[in-house]
């Protein structure tokens, strides 16, 4: 994240990458590998499933359904991330759905065995606690950003975050010869608008402005950030122009979802 910017959320360390080889070997013995095709839930909102999932390759989206039946986009997770971690919190239903965006390779660990593993590995237990706390903090920051920024600003900040996230996962494409950063995972403009609680019209207008400025290029479920520093300056200008006025799309999704 470049110095001088104020967008959120922050990019966190990745669970599997931060384990020692001994810790990985032990955890593999507690779980089982599983593959998922695209568009398959790993865990679903409201269910009582009792497993956690570690993503080895691929991407997922985290969504929550409102009482009106609308899906609210909450987050994306990628290789080495821990998801469905809400199973560790006892007899409670899931508060969100985690769905594969493409083919996945994972390690699925029953919640009881994962808790046993954490009991024997206090360092990893602290890592997991930190992950949960950081995700709650990110949700709080996102809600605050929703309340103080318009839809165009929220989309710009989200694209900055996703560009940095895409660079953070080493196995994905390096910057192109023109300096462009292909956003991973590949999401539609409508999904990105839902993520920041922007209407379809607001999202379409914001992306048109970004294309006209030469900051992004778009295609079918494909977005490339062509000028990340320029996009950050654009977001800072929008932020300065708007000041502390309320967001034009409402307060956004509630904070504090666990998976």
Protein backbone atom coordinates (compact mmCIF):
# COMPACT_ATOMS: atom_id res chain seq x y z
CA UNK A 1 0.00 0.00 0.00
CA UNK A 2 1.56 3.27 -1.05
CA UNK A 3 2.41 5.87 1.51
CA UNK A 4 -0.05 8.70 1.91
CA UNK A 5 -3.21 6.83 1.00
CA UNK A 6 -6.09 6.30 3.39
CA UNK A 7 -8.12 3.55 1.74
CA UNK A 8 -9.06 0.28 3.43
CA UNK A 9 -8.99 -2.63 4.11
CA UNK A 10 -5.40 -3.66 4.72
CA UNK A 11 -3.87 -6.79 3.22
CA UNK A 12 -3.23 -9.44 5.83
CA UNK A 13 -0.74 -12.29 6.10
CA UNK A 14 -1.84 -15.65 4.73
CA UNK A 15 -2.52 -18.56 7.06
CA UNK A 16 -0.97 -21.58 5.29
CA UNK A 17 2.12 -19.67 4.18
CA UNK A 18 2.83 -18.68 7.77
CA UNK A 19 2.86 -22.25 9.09
CA UNK A 20 6.09 -24.19 9.54
CA UNK A 21 6.51 -27.39 7.54
CA UNK A 22 6.00 -29.39 10.74
CA UNK A 23 2.75 -27.55 11.45
CA UNK A 24 1.55 -28.13 7.89
CA UNK A 25 2.33 -31.83 8.11
CA UNK A 26 0.39 -32.18 11.37
CA UNK A 27 -2.58 -30.24 10.04
CA UNK A 28 -2.69 -32.34 6.86
CA UNK A 29 -3.05 -35.40 9.07
CA UNK A 30 -6.11 -33.85 10.72
CA UNK A 31 -7.86 -33.00 7.44
CA UNK A 32 -8.41 -34.26 3.93
CA UNK A 33 -7.80 -32.71 0.52
CA UNK A 34 -10.89 -31.72 -1.43
CA UNK A 35 -11.45 -30.11 -4.81
CA UNK A 36 -14.40 -27.89 -5.69
CA UNK A 37 -15.63 -26.82 -9.12
CA UNK A 38 -16.73 -23.23 -9.70
CA UNK A 39 -19.84 -21.82 -8.02
CA UNK A 40 -20.01 -24.39 -5.21
CA UNK A 41 -20.57 -23.32 -1.55
CA UNK A 42 -17.84 -24.38 0.86
CA UNK A 43 -20.14 -23.41 3.72
CA UNK A 44 -23.54 -21.73 3.63
CA UNK A 45 -25.21 -19.02 5.66
CA UNK A 46 -27.52 -20.49 8.27
CA UNK A 47 -26.17 -24.03 8.18
CA UNK A 48 -24.54 -25.84 11.08
CA UNK A 49 -21.59 -27.40 9.25
CA UNK A 50 -18.58 -28.04 11.46
CA UNK A 51 -15.49 -27.73 9.26
CA UNK A 52 -12.90 -25.13 8.37
CA UNK A 53 -11.28 -24.88 4.94
CA UNK A 54 -7.78 -23.87 3.89
CA UNK A 55 -7.54 -22.73 0.26
CA UNK A 56 -4.52 -24.13 -1.56
CA UNK A 57 -5.29 -22.80 -5.03
CA UNK A 58 -8.19 -20.73 -6.34
CA UNK A 59 -10.45 -17.98 -5.05
CA UNK A 60 -13.74 -17.71 -3.18
CA UNK A 61 -16.24 -14.96 -2.49
CA UNK A 62 -17.93 -14.34 0.86
CA UNK A 63 -21.55 -13.18 0.73
CA UNK A 64 -24.46 -12.69 3.09
CA UNK A 65 -28.18 -12.71 2.26
CA UNK A 66 -30.43 -9.98 3.62
CA UNK A 67 -33.95 -10.56 4.93
CA UNK A 68 -35.18 -9.30 1.53
CA UNK A 69 -33.23 -12.01 -0.24
CA UNK A 70 -30.46 -9.81 -1.67
CA UNK A 71 -26.88 -11.10 -1.64
CA UNK A 72 -24.37 -8.66 -0.16
CA UNK A 73 -20.75 -9.13 -1.26
CA UNK A 74 -18.46 -9.10 1.79
CA UNK A 75 -14.98 -10.26 0.78
CA UNK A 76 -12.76 -12.43 -1.39
CA UNK A 77 -10.21 -14.95 -0.14
CA UNK A 78 -7.40 -16.61 -2.04
CA UNK A 79 -4.61 -19.17 -1.86
CA UNK A 80 -3.35 -19.93 1.66
CA UNK A 81 -6.34 -18.28 3.34
CA UNK A 82 -8.42 -19.87 6.10
CA UNK A 83 -12.19 -19.71 5.48
CA UNK A 84 -15.36 -21.04 7.12
CA UNK A 85 -13.60 -20.33 10.41
CA UNK A 86 -16.93 -19.60 12.14
CA UNK A 87 -17.20 -23.36 12.77
CA UNK A 88 -14.72 -22.93 15.63
CA UNK A 89 -17.15 -20.84 17.63
CA UNK A 90 -19.37 -23.59 18.96
CA UNK A 91 -23.05 -24.23 18.42
CA UNK A 92 -23.95 -21.38 16.08
CA UNK A 93 -25.10 -21.19 12.49
CA UNK A 94 -22.96 -19.69 9.74
CA UNK A 95 -23.39 -15.95 9.22
CA UNK A 96 -22.16 -15.94 5.60
CA UNK A 97 -21.75 -18.13 2.54
CA UNK A 98 -18.34 -18.91 1.03
CA UNK A 99 -18.55 -19.86 -2.66
CA UNK A 100 -15.86 -20.94 -5.11
CA UNK A 101 -15.25 -18.46 -7.94
CA UNK A 102 -13.40 -21.09 -9.97
CA UNK A 103 -11.85 -24.52 -9.44
CA UNK A 104 -10.40 -24.91 -5.94
CA UNK A 105 -7.91 -27.19 -4.23
CA UNK A 106 -8.43 -27.15 -0.48
CA UNK A 107 -7.70 -28.86 2.81
CA UNK A 108 -10.92 -29.47 4.79
CA UNK A 109 -10.50 -29.97 8.55
CA UNK A 110 -13.35 -30.87 10.94
CA UNK A 111 -13.77 -28.10 13.50
CA UNK A 112 -13.10 -30.43 16.46
CA UNK A 113 -9.82 -31.62 14.98
CA UNK A 114 -8.82 -28.08 14.08
CA UNK A 115 -9.44 -26.99 17.67
CA UNK A 116 -7.35 -29.93 18.90
CA UNK A 117 -4.57 -28.86 16.54
CA UNK A 118 -4.73 -25.28 17.86
CA UNK A 119 -4.62 -26.51 21.47
CA UNK A 120 -1.30 -28.19 20.69
CA UNK A 121 0.08 -25.23 18.72
CA UNK A 122 -0.38 -22.00 20.70
CA UNK A 123 1.51 -19.92 18.11
CA UNK A 124 -0.96 -20.94 15.39
CA UNK A 125 -3.87 -20.39 17.76
CA UNK A 126 -2.74 -16.79 18.21
CA UNK A 127 -2.47 -16.46 14.41
CA UNK A 128 -6.06 -17.62 13.96
CA UNK A 129 -7.31 -15.30 16.68
CA UNK A 130 -5.49 -12.46 14.97
CA UNK A 131 -7.06 -13.38 11.63
CA UNK A 132 -10.58 -13.29 13.09
CA UNK A 133 -9.94 -9.97 14.85
CA UNK A 134 -8.42 -8.44 11.71
CA UNK A 135 -11.43 -9.46 9.63
CA UNK A 136 -13.79 -7.88 12.13
CA UNK A 137 -11.66 -4.71 12.10
CA UNK A 138 -11.69 -4.67 8.29
CA UNK A 139 -15.48 -4.97 8.31
CA UNK A 140 -15.71 -2.05 10.73
CA UNK A 141 -13.44 0.08 8.53
CA UNK A 142 -15.48 -0.85 5.47
CA UNK A 143 -18.69 0.23 7.19
CA UNK A 144 -17.05 3.52 8.17
CA UNK A 145 -15.87 4.08 4.60
CA UNK A 146 -19.39 3.41 3.33
CA UNK A 147 -20.74 6.10 5.63
CA UNK A 148 -18.25 8.78 4.58
CA UNK A 149 -17.64 8.19 0.86
CA UNK A 150 -19.75 8.17 -2.29
CA UNK A 151 -20.09 5.18 -4.60
CA UNK A 152 -17.39 6.34 -7.03
CA UNK A 153 -14.88 6.73 -4.20
CA UNK A 154 -15.75 3.35 -2.72
CA UNK A 155 -15.25 1.65 -6.08
CA UNK A 156 -11.90 3.40 -6.58
CA UNK A 157 -10.73 2.34 -3.12
CA UNK A 158 -11.91 -1.23 -3.75
CA UNK A 159 -9.98 -1.43 -7.04
CA UNK A 160 -6.85 -0.15 -5.29
CA UNK A 161 -7.24 -2.85 -2.65
CA UNK A 162 -7.83 -5.58 -5.24
CA UNK A 163 -4.85 -4.45 -7.33
CA UNK A 164 -2.61 -4.65 -4.27
CA UNK A 165 -4.17 -7.98 -3.31
CA UNK A 166 -3.51 -9.34 -6.81
CA UNK A 167 0.15 -8.34 -6.53
CA UNK A 168 0.27 -9.94 -3.07
CA UNK A 169 -0.47 -13.43 -4.42
CA UNK A 170 2.78 -14.33 -6.15
CA UNK A 171 1.43 -17.12 -8.33
CA UNK A 172 -0.71 -14.73 -10.35
CA UNK A 173 0.26 -12.62 -13.32
CA UNK A 174 3.10 -10.11 -12.86
CA UNK A 175 2.42 -6.56 -14.06
CA UNK A 176 2.20 -6.38 -17.85
CA UNK A 177 4.73 -4.60 -20.00
CA UNK A 178 2.45 -1.54 -19.85
CA UNK A 179 2.42 -1.69 -16.04
CA UNK A 180 -1.17 -2.91 -15.87
CA UNK A 181 -2.29 -5.11 -12.99
CA UNK A 182 -4.94 -7.72 -13.81
CA UNK A 183 -7.42 -7.94 -10.96
CA UNK A 184 -7.76 -11.39 -9.34
CA UNK A 185 -10.18 -12.90 -8.80
CA UNK A 186 -12.19 -12.02 -11.88
CA UNK A 187 -15.44 -10.36 -10.76
CA UNK A 188 -18.16 -8.55 -12.67
CA UNK A 189 -18.69 -4.82 -12.30
CA UNK A 190 -22.07 -5.61 -10.72
CA UNK A 191 -20.39 -7.80 -8.07
CA UNK A 192 -17.86 -5.09 -7.31
CA UNK A 193 -20.67 -2.55 -7.01
CA UNK A 194 -22.53 -4.86 -4.62
CA UNK A 195 -19.38 -5.24 -2.54
CA UNK A 196 -19.32 -1.49 -1.82
CA UNK A 197 -23.11 -1.07 -1.77
CA UNK A 198 -23.21 0.99 -4.97
CA UNK A 199 -26.14 0.83 -7.36
CA UNK A 200 -25.66 -0.65 -10.83
CA UNK A 201 -25.95 2.84 -12.32
CA UNK A 202 -23.39 4.30 -9.91
CA UNK A 203 -20.95 1.46 -10.63
CA UNK A 204 -21.36 1.79 -14.41
CA UNK A 205 -20.78 5.55 -14.25
CA UNK A 206 -17.73 5.14 -12.00
CA UNK A 207 -16.13 2.57 -14.31
CA UNK A 208 -16.81 4.77 -17.36
CA UNK A 209 -15.05 7.69 -15.65
CA UNK A 210 -12.08 5.47 -14.75
CA UNK A 211 -11.82 4.19 -18.33
CA UNK A 212 -12.02 7.73 -19.71
CA UNK A 213 -9.18 8.76 -17.40
CA UNK A 214 -7.08 5.81 -18.61
CA UNK A 215 -6.88 4.37 -15.11
CA UNK A 216 -8.56 1.02 -15.84
CA UNK A 217 -9.46 -1.21 -18.76
CA UNK A 218 -12.50 -3.48 -18.56
CA UNK A 219 -13.78 -6.55 -20.37
CA UNK A 220 -16.12 -9.43 -19.59
CA UNK A 221 -15.37 -10.24 -15.93
CA UNK A 222 -11.92 -8.75 -16.50
CA UNK A 223 -10.55 -5.53 -15.03
CA UNK A 224 -6.99 -4.27 -15.39
CA UNK A 225 -5.70 -1.35 -13.34
CA UNK A 226 -3.48 0.52 -15.80
CA UNK A 227 -2.14 3.20 -13.45
CA UNK A 228 -2.24 2.30 -9.75
CA UNK A 229 -0.57 5.53 -8.49
CA UNK A 230 -2.94 7.52 -10.71
CA UNK A 231 -5.92 5.59 -9.33
CA UNK A 232 -4.75 6.35 -5.79
CA UNK A 233 -4.47 10.07 -6.63
CA UNK A 234 -7.95 9.95 -8.17
CA UNK A 235 -9.38 8.38 -5.01
CA UNK A 236 -7.67 10.99 -2.85
CA UNK A 237 -9.17 13.78 -5.00
CA UNK A 238 -12.65 12.27 -4.64
CA UNK A 239 -12.10 11.96 -0.91
CA UNK A 240 -10.97 15.59 -0.62
CA UNK A 241 -13.91 16.84 -2.71
CA UNK A 242 -16.45 14.89 -0.70
CA UNK A 243 -15.04 15.58 2.73
CA UNK A 244 -17.17 14.02 5.45
CA UNK A 245 -20.51 14.08 3.67
CA UNK A 246 -22.65 10.94 4.08
CA UNK A 247 -22.30 8.27 1.38
CA UNK A 248 -24.90 8.44 -1.38
CA UNK A 249 -25.63 4.72 -1.26
CA UNK A 250 -26.36 4.21 2.44
CA UNK A 251 -24.38 2.74 5.27
CA UNK A 252 -23.36 -0.55 3.63
CA UNK A 253 -23.41 -4.09 5.01
CA UNK A 254 -23.15 -4.70 8.73
CA UNK A 255 -19.73 -5.33 10.19
CA UNK A 256 -18.60 -8.37 12.08
CA UNK A 257 -19.40 -11.37 9.86
CA UNK A 258 -17.61 -14.58 10.65
CA UNK A 259 -17.50 -17.53 8.28
